[in-house]
Amino acid sequence: MAENETRADDAPQQIDDWSTLTAGRRYELRSGDDRRQGRFLHLIGDDMALFELDGSEVSEPFEQSDWTVYPAS
């Protein structure tokens, strides 16, 4: 395998259960071509989470049905 290739099992695993997110930890949020990174703050109800995006002091809510979450590298 070439030096810059990654194996499928090296790729970060999608987090399906948002209740397992850790407050203060950084995550990558993906929706189509849109990718954002930010620090998880807390859950808002059963299907929303509040993140503080990198480079911003503003927190934003994200809906679980619209976004997939991965551990940030």
PDB file of N, CA and C in Angstrom:
ATOM      1  N   MET A   1       0.849  -1.173   0.000  1.00  0.00           N
ATOM      2  CA  MET A   1       0.000   0.000   0.000  1.00  0.00           C
ATOM      3  C   MET A   1       0.895   1.237   0.000  1.00  0.00           C
ATOM      4  N   ALA A   2       0.518   2.230  -0.810  1.00  0.00           N
ATOM      5  CA  ALA A   2       1.292   3.469  -0.909  1.00  0.00           C
ATOM      6  C   ALA A   2       1.227   4.241   0.404  1.00  0.00           C
ATOM      7  N   GLU A   3       2.230   5.078   0.626  1.00  0.00           N
ATOM      8  CA  GLU A   3       2.349   5.804   1.885  1.00  0.00           C
ATOM      9  C   GLU A   3       1.149   6.697   2.185  1.00  0.00           C
ATOM     10  N   ASN A   4       0.551   7.328   1.163  1.00  0.00           N
ATOM     11  CA  ASN A   4      -0.543   8.275   1.385  1.00  0.00           C
ATOM     12  C   ASN A   4      -1.919   7.638   1.286  1.00  0.00           C
ATOM     13  N   GLU A   5      -2.015   6.320   1.083  1.00  0.00           N
ATOM     14  CA  GLU A   5      -3.300   5.650   1.019  1.00  0.00           C
ATOM     15  C   GLU A   5      -3.790   5.350   2.430  1.00  0.00           C
ATOM     16  N   THR A   6      -5.108   5.314   2.586  1.00  0.00           N
ATOM     17  CA  THR A   6      -5.679   4.917   3.864  1.00  0.00           C
ATOM     18  C   THR A   6      -6.526   3.678   3.652  1.00  0.00           C
ATOM     19  N   ARG A   7      -6.519   2.814   4.616  1.00  0.00           N
ATOM     20  CA  ARG A   7      -7.356   1.627   4.556  1.00  0.00           C
ATOM     21  C   ARG A   7      -8.736   1.996   5.056  1.00  0.00           C
ATOM     22  N   ALA A   8      -9.749   1.236   4.626  1.00  0.00           N
ATOM     23  CA  ALA A   8     -11.129   1.513   5.043  1.00  0.00           C
ATOM     24  C   ALA A   8     -11.261   1.465   6.560  1.00  0.00           C
ATOM     25  N   ASP A   9     -10.547   0.538   7.228  1.00  0.00           N
ATOM     26  CA  ASP A   9     -10.671   0.453   8.673  1.00  0.00           C
ATOM     27  C   ASP A   9      -9.896   1.551   9.408  1.00  0.00           C
ATOM     28  N   ASP A  10      -9.119   2.368   8.672  1.00  0.00           N
ATOM     29  CA  ASP A  10      -8.448   3.525   9.265  1.00  0.00           C
ATOM     30  C   ASP A  10      -9.341   4.767   9.253  1.00  0.00           C
ATOM     31  N   ALA A  11     -10.399   4.731   8.450  1.00  0.00           N
ATOM     32  CA  ALA A  11     -11.295   5.884   8.320  1.00  0.00           C
ATOM     33  C   ALA A  11     -12.106   6.040   9.610  1.00  0.00           C
ATOM     34  N   PRO A  12     -12.394   7.287   9.987  1.00  0.00           N
ATOM     35  CA  PRO A  12     -13.193   7.488  11.200  1.00  0.00           C
ATOM     36  C   PRO A  12     -14.594   6.896  11.025  1.00  0.00           C
ATOM     37  N   GLN A  13     -15.115   6.335  12.075  1.00  0.00           N
ATOM     38  CA  GLN A  13     -16.439   5.725  12.050  1.00  0.00           C
ATOM     39  C   GLN A  13     -17.507   6.763  12.355  1.00  0.00           C
ATOM     40  N   GLN A  14     -18.559   6.736  11.557  1.00  0.00           N
ATOM     41  CA  GLN A  14     -19.696   7.635  11.764  1.00  0.00           C
ATOM     42  C   GLN A  14     -20.321   7.348  13.124  1.00  0.00           C
ATOM     43  N   ILE A  15     -20.714   8.410  13.817  1.00  0.00           N
ATOM     44  CA  ILE A  15     -21.380   8.266  15.112  1.00  0.00           C
ATOM     45  C   ILE A  15     -22.887   8.324  14.875  1.00  0.00           C
ATOM     46  N   ASP A  16     -23.545   7.182  15.059  1.00  0.00           N
ATOM     47  CA  ASP A  16     -24.985   7.103  14.812  1.00  0.00           C
ATOM     48  C   ASP A  16     -25.816   7.497  16.030  1.00  0.00           C
ATOM     49  N   ASP A  17     -25.295   7.254  17.195  1.00  0.00           N
ATOM     50  CA  ASP A  17     -26.016   7.564  18.426  1.00  0.00           C
ATOM     51  C   ASP A  17     -25.439   8.840  19.025  1.00  0.00           C
ATOM     52  N   TRP A  18     -26.115   9.961  18.792  1.00  0.00           N
ATOM     53  CA  TRP A  18     -25.595  11.247  19.239  1.00  0.00           C
ATOM     54  C   TRP A  18     -25.544  11.351  20.756  1.00  0.00           C
ATOM     55  N   SER A  19     -26.240  10.475  21.461  1.00  0.00           N
ATOM     56  CA  SER A  19     -26.181  10.537  22.929  1.00  0.00           C
ATOM     57  C   SER A  19     -24.804  10.117  23.442  1.00  0.00           C
ATOM     58  N   THR A  20     -23.963   9.549  22.560  1.00  0.00           N
ATOM     59  CA  THR A  20     -22.608   9.155  22.974  1.00  0.00           C
ATOM     60  C   THR A  20     -21.579  10.254  22.728  1.00  0.00           C
ATOM     61  N   LEU A  21     -21.985  11.405  22.176  1.00  0.00           N
ATOM     62  CA  LEU A  21     -21.051  12.514  21.951  1.00  0.00           C
ATOM     63  C   LEU A  21     -20.520  13.019  23.290  1.00  0.00           C
ATOM     64  N   THR A  22     -19.266  13.414  23.308  1.00  0.00           N
ATOM     65  CA  THR A  22     -18.607  13.878  24.525  1.00  0.00           C
ATOM     66  C   THR A  22     -18.499  15.402  24.518  1.00  0.00           C
ATOM     67  N   ALA A  23     -19.029  16.034  25.541  1.00  0.00           N
ATOM     68  CA  ALA A  23     -18.978  17.491  25.638  1.00  0.00           C
ATOM     69  C   ALA A  23     -17.527  17.964  25.612  1.00  0.00           C
ATOM     70  N   GLY A  24     -17.275  19.009  24.815  1.00  0.00           N
ATOM     71  CA  GLY A  24     -15.943  19.593  24.711  1.00  0.00           C
ATOM     72  C   GLY A  24     -15.082  18.964  23.629  1.00  0.00           C
ATOM     73  N   ARG A  25     -15.470  17.800  23.118  1.00  0.00           N
ATOM     74  CA  ARG A  25     -14.680  17.125  22.087  1.00  0.00           C
ATOM     75  C   ARG A  25     -15.022  17.697  20.710  1.00  0.00           C
ATOM     76  N   ARG A  26     -14.025  17.699  19.814  1.00  0.00           N
ATOM     77  CA  ARG A  26     -14.226  18.207  18.459  1.00  0.00           C
ATOM     78  C   ARG A  26     -14.729  17.098  17.551  1.00  0.00           C
ATOM     79  N   TYR A  27     -15.654  17.461  16.664  1.00  0.00           N
ATOM     80  CA  TYR A  27     -16.247  16.528  15.717  1.00  0.00           C
ATOM     81  C   TYR A  27     -16.329  17.183  14.346  1.00  0.00           C
ATOM     82  N   GLU A  28     -16.437  16.353  13.329  1.00  0.00           N
ATOM     83  CA  GLU A  28     -16.694  16.833  11.974  1.00  0.00           C
ATOM     84  C   GLU A  28     -18.140  16.518  11.635  1.00  0.00           C
ATOM     85  N   LEU A  29     -18.836  17.530  11.147  1.00  0.00           N
ATOM     86  CA  LEU A  29     -20.226  17.368  10.734  1.00  0.00           C
ATOM     87  C   LEU A  29     -20.279  17.420   9.211  1.00  0.00           C
ATOM     88  N   ARG A  30     -21.001  16.483   8.619  1.00  0.00           N
ATOM     89  CA  ARG A  30     -21.098  16.415   7.159  1.00  0.00           C
ATOM     90  C   ARG A  30     -22.552  16.352   6.732  1.00  0.00           C
ATOM     91  N   SER A  31     -22.859  17.117   5.687  1.00  0.00           N
ATOM     92  CA  SER A  31     -24.176  17.081   5.054  1.00  0.00           C
ATOM     93  C   SER A  31     -23.953  17.355   3.577  1.00  0.00           C
ATOM     94  N   GLY A  32     -24.029  16.325   2.751  1.00  0.00           N
ATOM     95  CA  GLY A  32     -23.712  16.491   1.330  1.00  0.00           C
ATOM     96  C   GLY A  32     -22.273  16.941   1.180  1.00  0.00           C
ATOM     97  N   ASP A  33     -22.059  18.046   0.462  1.00  0.00           N
ATOM     98  CA  ASP A  33     -20.710  18.588   0.276  1.00  0.00           C
ATOM     99  C   ASP A  33     -20.289  19.520   1.407  1.00  0.00           C
ATOM    100  N   ASP A  34     -21.203  19.829   2.309  1.00  0.00           N
ATOM    101  CA  ASP A  34     -20.925  20.754   3.405  1.00  0.00           C
ATOM    102  C   ASP A  34     -20.254  20.008   4.547  1.00  0.00           C
ATOM    103  N   ARG A  35     -19.074  20.466   4.937  1.00  0.00           N
ATOM    104  CA  ARG A  35     -18.342  19.878   6.061  1.00  0.00           C
ATOM    105  C   ARG A  35     -17.937  20.977   7.013  1.00  0.00           C
ATOM    106  N   ARG A  36     -18.216  20.760   8.275  1.00  0.00           N
ATOM    107  CA  ARG A  36     -17.861  21.727   9.308  1.00  0.00           C
ATOM    108  C   ARG A  36     -17.225  20.996  10.470  1.00  0.00           C
ATOM    109  N   GLN A  37     -16.363  21.675  11.195  1.00  0.00           N
ATOM    110  CA  GLN A  37     -15.783  21.102  12.403  1.00  0.00           C
ATOM    111  C   GLN A  37     -16.097  22.009  13.569  1.00  0.00           C
ATOM    112  N   GLY A  38     -16.356  21.382  14.691  1.00  0.00           N
ATOM    113  CA  GLY A  38     -16.655  22.175  15.862  1.00  0.00           C
ATOM    114  C   GLY A  38     -16.648  21.341  17.119  1.00  0.00           C
ATOM    115  N   ARG A  39     -16.812  22.024  18.223  1.00  0.00           N
ATOM    116  CA  ARG A  39     -16.790  21.400  19.542  1.00  0.00           C
ATOM    117  C   ARG A  39     -18.226  21.153  19.985  1.00  0.00           C
ATOM    118  N   PHE A  40     -18.489  19.903  20.371  1.00  0.00           N
ATOM    119  CA  PHE A  40     -19.828  19.543  20.849  1.00  0.00           C
ATOM    120  C   PHE A  40     -20.072  20.175  22.219  1.00  0.00           C
ATOM    121  N   LEU A  41     -21.225  20.820  22.369  1.00  0.00           N
ATOM    122  CA  LEU A  41     -21.577  21.443  23.646  1.00  0.00           C
ATOM    123  C   LEU A  41     -22.561  20.575  24.424  1.00  0.00           C
ATOM    124  N   HIS A  42     -23.741  20.329  23.832  1.00  0.00           N
ATOM    125  CA  HIS A  42     -24.728  19.476  24.499  1.00  0.00           C
ATOM    126  C   HIS A  42     -25.868  19.146  23.544  1.00  0.00           C
ATOM    127  N   LEU A  43     -26.667  18.154  23.935  1.00  0.00           N
ATOM    128  CA  LEU A  43     -27.845  17.770  23.156  1.00  0.00           C
ATOM    129  C   LEU A  43     -28.980  18.735  23.442  1.00  0.00           C
ATOM    130  N   ILE A  44     -29.807  18.934  22.434  1.00  0.00           N
ATOM    131  CA  ILE A  44     -31.024  19.728  22.578  1.00  0.00           C
ATOM    132  C   ILE A  44     -32.162  18.783  22.206  1.00  0.00           C
ATOM    133  N   GLY A  45     -32.797  18.222  23.154  1.00  0.00           N
ATOM    134  CA  GLY A  45     -33.848  17.244  22.871  1.00  0.00           C
ATOM    135  C   GLY A  45     -33.248  15.937  22.373  1.00  0.00           C
ATOM    136  N   ASP A  46     -34.062  15.161  21.640  1.00  0.00           N
ATOM    137  CA  ASP A  46     -33.644  13.836  21.205  1.00  0.00           C
ATOM    138  C   ASP A  46     -32.872  13.829  19.896  1.00  0.00           C
ATOM    139  N   ASP A  47     -33.054  14.835  19.056  1.00  0.00           N
ATOM    140  CA  ASP A  47     -32.462  14.759  17.715  1.00  0.00           C
ATOM    141  C   ASP A  47     -31.726  16.024  17.275  1.00  0.00           C
ATOM    142  N   MET A  48     -31.338  16.849  18.227  1.00  0.00           N
ATOM    143  CA  MET A  48     -30.591  18.070  17.919  1.00  0.00           C
ATOM    144  C   MET A  48     -29.405  18.164  18.868  1.00  0.00           C
ATOM    145  N   ALA A  49     -28.313  18.735  18.339  1.00  0.00           N
ATOM    146  CA  ALA A  49     -27.124  18.939  19.159  1.00  0.00           C
ATOM    147  C   ALA A  49     -26.583  20.334  18.905  1.00  0.00           C
ATOM    148  N   LEU A  50     -26.003  20.910  19.918  1.00  0.00           N
ATOM    149  CA  LEU A  50     -25.433  22.250  19.831  1.00  0.00           C
ATOM    150  C   LEU A  50     -23.914  22.127  19.719  1.00  0.00           C
ATOM    151  N   PHE A  51     -23.360  22.754  18.669  1.00  0.00           N
ATOM    152  CA  PHE A  51     -21.920  22.745  18.425  1.00  0.00           C
ATOM    153  C   PHE A  51     -21.414  24.166  18.328  1.00  0.00           C
ATOM    154  N   GLU A  52     -20.213  24.407  18.822  1.00  0.00           N
ATOM    155  CA  GLU A  52     -19.509  25.666  18.622  1.00  0.00           C
ATOM    156  C   GLU A  52     -18.532  25.415  17.474  1.00  0.00           C
ATOM    157  N   LEU A  53     -18.784  26.039  16.337  1.00  0.00           N
ATOM    158  CA  LEU A  53     -17.982  25.779  15.146  1.00  0.00           C
ATOM    159  C   LEU A  53     -16.599  26.393  15.252  1.00  0.00           C
ATOM    160  N   ASP A  54     -15.620  25.725  14.649  1.00  0.00           N
ATOM    161  CA  ASP A  54     -14.252  26.240  14.645  1.00  0.00           C
ATOM    162  C   ASP A  54     -14.215  27.627  14.015  1.00  0.00           C
ATOM    163  N   GLY A  55     -13.483  28.513  14.620  1.00  0.00           N
ATOM    164  CA  GLY A  55     -13.338  29.865  14.102  1.00  0.00           C
ATOM    165  C   GLY A  55     -14.521  30.765  14.398  1.00  0.00           C
ATOM    166  N   SER A  56     -15.442  30.295  15.220  1.00  0.00           N
ATOM    167  CA  SER A  56     -16.627  31.087  15.531  1.00  0.00           C
ATOM    168  C   SER A  56     -16.890  31.020  17.031  1.00  0.00           C
ATOM    169  N   GLU A  57     -17.357  32.094  17.574  1.00  0.00           N
ATOM    170  CA  GLU A  57     -17.750  32.090  18.978  1.00  0.00           C
ATOM    171  C   GLU A  57     -19.242  31.857  19.122  1.00  0.00           C
ATOM    172  N   VAL A  58     -19.900  31.593  17.988  1.00  0.00           N
ATOM    173  CA  VAL A  58     -21.340  31.382  17.982  1.00  0.00           C
ATOM    174  C   VAL A  58     -21.619  29.888  17.931  1.00  0.00           C
ATOM    175  N   SER A  59     -22.539  29.430  18.759  1.00  0.00           N
ATOM    176  CA  SER A  59     -22.929  28.024  18.714  1.00  0.00           C
ATOM    177  C   SER A  59     -24.126  27.866  17.782  1.00  0.00           C
ATOM    178  N   GLU A  60     -24.203  26.703  17.125  1.00  0.00           N
ATOM    179  CA  GLU A  60     -25.283  26.439  16.175  1.00  0.00           C
ATOM    180  C   GLU A  60     -25.897  25.080  16.464  1.00  0.00           C
ATOM    181  N   PRO A  61     -27.235  24.980  16.338  1.00  0.00           N
ATOM    182  CA  PRO A  61     -27.869  23.676  16.483  1.00  0.00           C
ATOM    183  C   PRO A  61     -27.811  22.903  15.158  1.00  0.00           C
ATOM    184  N   PHE A  62     -27.623  21.583  15.269  1.00  0.00           N
ATOM    185  CA  PHE A  62     -27.603  20.710  14.100  1.00  0.00           C
ATOM    186  C   PHE A  62     -28.588  19.582  14.338  1.00  0.00           C
ATOM    187  N   GLU A  63     -29.389  19.278  13.314  1.00  0.00           N
ATOM    188  CA  GLU A  63     -30.395  18.222  13.423  1.00  0.00           C
ATOM    189  C   GLU A  63     -29.809  16.905  12.947  1.00  0.00           C
ATOM    190  N   GLN A  64     -30.010  15.856  13.720  1.00  0.00           N
ATOM    191  CA  GLN A  64     -29.409  14.565  13.441  1.00  0.00           C
ATOM    192  C   GLN A  64     -29.847  14.002  12.087  1.00  0.00           C
ATOM    193  N   SER A  65     -31.064  14.259  11.653  1.00  0.00           N
ATOM    194  CA  SER A  65     -31.527  13.722  10.378  1.00  0.00           C
ATOM    195  C   SER A  65     -30.855  14.381   9.181  1.00  0.00           C
ATOM    196  N   ASP A  66     -30.256  15.555   9.373  1.00  0.00           N
ATOM    197  CA  ASP A  66     -29.623  16.296   8.275  1.00  0.00           C
ATOM    198  C   ASP A  66     -28.111  16.165   8.243  1.00  0.00           C
ATOM    199  N   TRP A  67     -27.478  15.730   9.346  1.00  0.00           N
ATOM    200  CA  TRP A  67     -26.026  15.733   9.456  1.00  0.00           C
ATOM    201  C   TRP A  67     -25.505  14.393   9.946  1.00  0.00           C
ATOM    202  N   THR A  68     -24.336  14.020   9.475  1.00  0.00           N
ATOM    203  CA  THR A  68     -23.620  12.882  10.031  1.00  0.00           C
ATOM    204  C   THR A  68     -22.421  13.429  10.798  1.00  0.00           C
ATOM    205  N   VAL A  69     -22.055  12.741  11.862  1.00  0.00           N
ATOM    206  CA  VAL A  69     -20.987  13.214  12.739  1.00  0.00           C
ATOM    207  C   VAL A  69     -19.879  12.167  12.802  1.00  0.00           C
ATOM    208  N   TYR A  70     -18.641  12.659  12.737  1.00  0.00           N
ATOM    209  CA  TYR A  70     -17.444  11.811  12.829  1.00  0.00           C
ATOM    210  C   TYR A  70     -16.506  12.455  13.836  1.00  0.00           C
ATOM    211  N   PRO A  71     -15.689  11.659  14.518  1.00  0.00           N
ATOM    212  CA  PRO A  71     -14.642  12.252  15.348  1.00  0.00           C
ATOM    213  C   PRO A  71     -13.710  13.097  14.475  1.00  0.00           C
ATOM    214  N   ALA A  72     -13.352  14.279  14.934  1.00  0.00           N
ATOM    215  CA  ALA A  72     -12.420  15.116  14.161  1.00  0.00           C
ATOM    216  C   ALA A  72     -11.017  14.567  14.302  1.00  0.00           C
ATOM    217  N   SER A  73     -10.283  14.626  13.204  1.00  0.00           N
ATOM    218  CA  SER A  73      -8.900  14.111  13.259  1.00  0.00           C
ATOM    219  C   SER A  73      -7.932  15.199  13.667  1.00  0.00           C
TER     220      SER A  73
END
